[in-house]
Amino acid sequence: SGLRKKLSYNEQREFEHLPGRSGELEAEQENLNKAAAHPEFYKEPAEVIKQVLARLDQVHGELLELYKAWDDLDSRSK
């Protein structure tokens, strides 16, 4: 597998920023999960509940994409 292409400059920069970005998303996900788990959460207006749950879903998706990109870049950087 000597044909594996090394990371470009932009890919290398993206790779270096992934840990910070994943940390931000994970912290946001944790805060949203805490909010949704609070006993008073479902007493909030329906729109608030909907927004929090939609953002949780969105953050989860973003994290999956980020981990996939990270894994791809990581395997190519070796």
Protein backbone atom coordinates (compact mmCIF):
# COMPACT_ATOMS: atom_id res chain seq x y z
CA SER A 1 0.00 0.00 0.00
CA GLY A 2 2.78 2.41 -0.90
CA LEU A 3 0.28 4.00 -3.24
CA ARG A 4 -1.54 5.63 -0.34
CA LYS A 5 -1.63 9.37 -0.88
CA LYS A 6 -0.24 11.56 1.87
CA LEU A 7 -2.50 14.25 3.29
CA SER A 8 -2.63 17.56 1.47
CA TYR A 9 -1.90 20.76 3.37
CA ASN A 10 -5.64 21.47 3.76
CA GLU A 11 -6.36 17.92 4.89
CA GLN A 12 -3.53 18.12 7.42
CA ARG A 13 -4.98 21.38 8.80
CA GLU A 14 -8.46 19.83 8.96
CA PHE A 15 -7.00 16.80 10.75
CA GLU A 16 -5.35 19.06 13.34
CA HIS A 17 -8.65 20.86 14.03
CA LEU A 18 -10.78 17.72 14.41
CA PRO A 19 -9.99 17.07 18.09
CA GLY A 20 -11.07 20.60 19.08
CA ARG A 21 -14.21 20.47 16.96
CA SER A 22 -15.19 17.06 18.31
CA GLY A 23 -14.63 18.35 21.85
CA GLU A 24 -16.99 21.29 21.20
CA LEU A 25 -19.67 19.02 19.74
CA GLU A 26 -19.33 16.46 22.52
CA ALA A 27 -19.67 19.20 25.15
CA GLU A 28 -22.76 20.58 23.39
CA GLN A 29 -24.22 17.07 23.14
CA GLU A 30 -23.62 16.52 26.86
CA ASN A 31 -25.33 19.82 27.74
CA LEU A 32 -28.30 19.03 25.50
CA ASN A 33 -28.60 15.53 26.99
CA LYS A 34 -28.55 17.01 30.50
CA ALA A 35 -31.25 19.51 29.54
CA ALA A 36 -33.42 16.80 27.97
CA ALA A 37 -32.96 14.52 31.00
CA HIS A 38 -34.05 17.23 33.47
CA PRO A 39 -37.44 16.45 35.04
CA GLU A 40 -38.74 19.91 34.10
CA PHE A 41 -37.70 19.62 30.43
CA TYR A 42 -41.02 18.31 29.13
CA LYS A 43 -42.83 21.18 30.85
CA GLU A 44 -41.08 23.54 28.42
CA PRO A 45 -43.02 24.88 25.42
CA ALA A 46 -43.30 22.30 22.63
CA GLU A 47 -41.19 24.46 20.30
CA VAL A 48 -38.29 24.51 22.80
CA ILE A 49 -38.46 20.74 23.27
CA LYS A 50 -38.55 20.26 19.50
CA GLN A 51 -35.53 22.56 18.99
CA VAL A 52 -33.44 20.85 21.68
CA LEU A 53 -34.22 17.36 20.39
CA ALA A 54 -33.60 18.43 16.77
CA ARG A 55 -30.24 19.95 17.72
CA LEU A 56 -29.32 16.80 19.63
CA ASP A 57 -30.03 14.78 16.50
CA GLN A 58 -28.04 17.23 14.38
CA VAL A 59 -25.04 17.18 16.76
CA HIS A 60 -25.09 13.37 16.76
CA GLY A 61 -25.00 13.38 12.95
CA GLU A 62 -22.19 15.94 12.85
CA LEU A 63 -20.15 13.86 15.30
CA LEU A 64 -20.61 10.73 13.19
CA GLU A 65 -19.42 12.60 10.08
CA LEU A 66 -16.49 14.10 11.99
CA TYR A 67 -15.40 10.72 13.37
CA LYS A 68 -15.64 9.22 9.89
CA ALA A 69 -13.49 12.02 8.41
CA TRP A 70 -11.05 11.73 11.30
CA ASP A 71 -10.72 7.97 10.80
CA ASP A 72 -10.18 8.44 7.07
CA LEU A 73 -7.58 11.18 7.51
CA ASP A 74 -5.90 9.28 10.34
CA SER A 75 -5.54 6.12 8.27
CA ARG A 76 -4.09 8.14 5.38
CA SER A 77 -1.64 10.07 7.57
CA LYS A 78 0.29 6.97 8.62
